[in-house]
Structure formats: C-alpha cells, structure tokens
C-alpha cells in the first residue's frame, strides 16, 4: 500500500500565489484508497460548514487514485472535488460528466 502513493500533497493558493507541499495522511490513504474518497476527506477537513461555494474559502481538489501507478493505463483515474454551488454540498464534476455519457 505504501508504494501506491508518492506521499505528498501539492497545495496551490491562487489568491496569494503560494505553492507548498505537505505529507499525505497515510491513515486516510489506507481508509479511502485515493481518488474521490481521499479528495472528499480532505474537502471536509479543509472547509467549514456554511462556506460560500463560490467564495475564496472553497477548495478545488485534484486527486489521483492509488492504481494511477499501474502500467495498465485503463485503471488510471482522477477526481476533481469541491463544494458544489448547485447543491451546496460535495461535488465531483468529473464523475458526474462520466455518468452523463453512459
């Protein structure tokens, strides 16, 4: 399991133009296996209830899943997660778009 992740999160603040890295929480990574689950865990940890989905306090998270390292590229997936202005709850536009196509 530890070889499935690089172990770092890249954080980009568009307001201040600051770029930092932080260590990936290994417990969360084991619990969620990456992708949408891990991104959602970070979303709920980084945002307070009641924030404006279109405000500066919202975050936009791009997260790959653990199988992204796999040589079989059909297994590679990523998720984009944020607080949705449409529902005022969790939103994953990439997953929603893939559901519409099928």
Protein backbone atom coordinates (compact mmCIF):
# COMPACT_ATOMS: atom_id res chain seq x y z
CA UNK A 1 0.00 0.00 0.00
CA UNK A 2 2.77 2.47 0.76
CA UNK A 3 4.18 2.11 -2.76
CA UNK A 4 0.88 3.16 -4.36
CA UNK A 5 1.26 6.81 -3.32
CA UNK A 6 4.03 9.39 -3.71
CA UNK A 7 3.18 10.58 -0.21
CA UNK A 8 2.83 14.31 -0.80
CA UNK A 9 0.04 16.78 -1.46
CA UNK A 10 0.74 19.87 -3.56
CA UNK A 11 -1.17 22.89 -2.28
CA UNK A 12 -1.61 25.94 -4.55
CA UNK A 13 -3.18 29.12 -3.15
CA UNK A 14 -4.45 31.12 -6.11
CA UNK A 15 -5.03 34.26 -4.01
CA UNK A 16 -1.51 34.51 -2.60
CA UNK A 17 0.20 32.51 -5.40
CA UNK A 18 1.88 30.38 -2.71
CA UNK A 19 2.85 26.79 -3.55
CA UNK A 20 3.62 24.37 -0.74
CA UNK A 21 3.78 20.63 -0.18
CA UNK A 22 2.55 18.60 2.75
CA UNK A 23 2.72 14.97 3.71
CA UNK A 24 -0.16 12.74 2.66
CA UNK A 25 -2.01 11.38 5.69
CA UNK A 26 -1.22 7.62 5.45
CA UNK A 27 -4.23 6.63 7.56
CA UNK A 28 -6.64 8.49 5.29
CA UNK A 29 -4.90 6.99 2.23
CA UNK A 30 -5.38 3.44 3.59
CA UNK A 31 -9.00 4.11 4.53
CA UNK A 32 -10.05 5.57 1.18
CA UNK A 33 -7.62 4.17 -1.43
CA UNK A 34 -7.23 7.60 -3.00
CA UNK A 35 -9.29 9.25 -5.70
CA UNK A 36 -12.71 10.66 -4.83
CA UNK A 37 -12.74 9.21 -1.31
CA UNK A 38 -9.44 10.77 -0.27
CA UNK A 39 -10.29 14.06 -2.01
CA UNK A 40 -13.62 14.17 -0.17
CA UNK A 41 -11.90 13.53 3.15
CA UNK A 42 -9.58 16.49 2.51
CA UNK A 43 -12.53 18.63 1.32
CA UNK A 44 -14.45 18.12 4.57
CA UNK A 45 -11.31 18.68 6.62
CA UNK A 46 -10.33 21.90 4.79
CA UNK A 47 -13.73 23.59 4.56
CA UNK A 48 -16.04 24.80 7.31
CA UNK A 49 -19.80 24.26 7.21
CA UNK A 50 -21.67 27.15 5.65
CA UNK A 51 -18.89 28.45 3.39
CA UNK A 52 -19.84 30.04 0.08
CA UNK A 53 -19.20 27.51 -2.72
CA UNK A 54 -18.18 30.40 -4.99
CA UNK A 55 -16.07 32.15 -2.33
CA UNK A 56 -12.36 32.07 -1.60
CA UNK A 57 -12.81 29.62 1.28
CA UNK A 58 -13.85 26.82 -1.06
CA UNK A 59 -11.13 24.46 -2.29
CA UNK A 60 -10.73 22.67 -5.61
CA UNK A 61 -9.03 19.31 -5.19
CA UNK A 62 -7.49 17.20 -7.96
CA UNK A 63 -6.68 13.73 -6.60
CA UNK A 64 -5.45 10.57 -8.30
CA UNK A 65 -6.36 7.11 -7.14
CA UNK A 66 -3.90 4.51 -5.91
CA UNK A 67 -3.98 2.49 -9.17
CA UNK A 68 -2.60 5.50 -11.09
CA UNK A 69 0.90 3.97 -10.90
CA UNK A 70 -0.37 0.81 -12.60
CA UNK A 71 1.18 0.10 -16.03
CA UNK A 72 -2.34 -0.68 -17.27
CA UNK A 73 -3.44 2.86 -18.06
CA UNK A 74 -7.14 1.98 -18.22
CA UNK A 75 -7.01 1.71 -14.42
CA UNK A 76 -5.76 5.29 -14.02
CA UNK A 77 -8.39 7.66 -12.67
CA UNK A 78 -8.51 11.02 -11.02
CA UNK A 79 -11.20 13.02 -9.29
CA UNK A 80 -11.94 16.71 -9.02
CA UNK A 81 -13.82 17.61 -5.84
CA UNK A 82 -15.16 20.88 -4.38
CA UNK A 83 -18.19 22.24 -2.58
CA UNK A 84 -20.85 22.49 -5.28
CA UNK A 85 -22.69 25.77 -5.90
CA UNK A 86 -25.57 23.77 -7.39
CA UNK A 87 -26.30 21.63 -4.31
CA UNK A 88 -24.28 23.46 -1.62
CA UNK A 89 -22.82 20.01 -0.85
CA UNK A 90 -19.97 17.85 -2.19
CA UNK A 91 -19.49 17.98 -5.94
CA UNK A 92 -17.41 15.85 -8.30
CA UNK A 93 -17.88 17.23 -11.84
CA UNK A 94 -15.60 14.65 -13.49
CA UNK A 95 -17.61 11.75 -12.09
CA UNK A 96 -20.89 13.49 -12.92
CA UNK A 97 -19.75 14.06 -16.52
CA UNK A 98 -18.81 10.37 -16.91
CA UNK A 99 -22.27 9.35 -15.69
CA UNK A 100 -23.95 11.54 -18.28
CA UNK A 101 -22.01 9.98 -21.16
CA UNK A 102 -23.07 6.40 -20.36
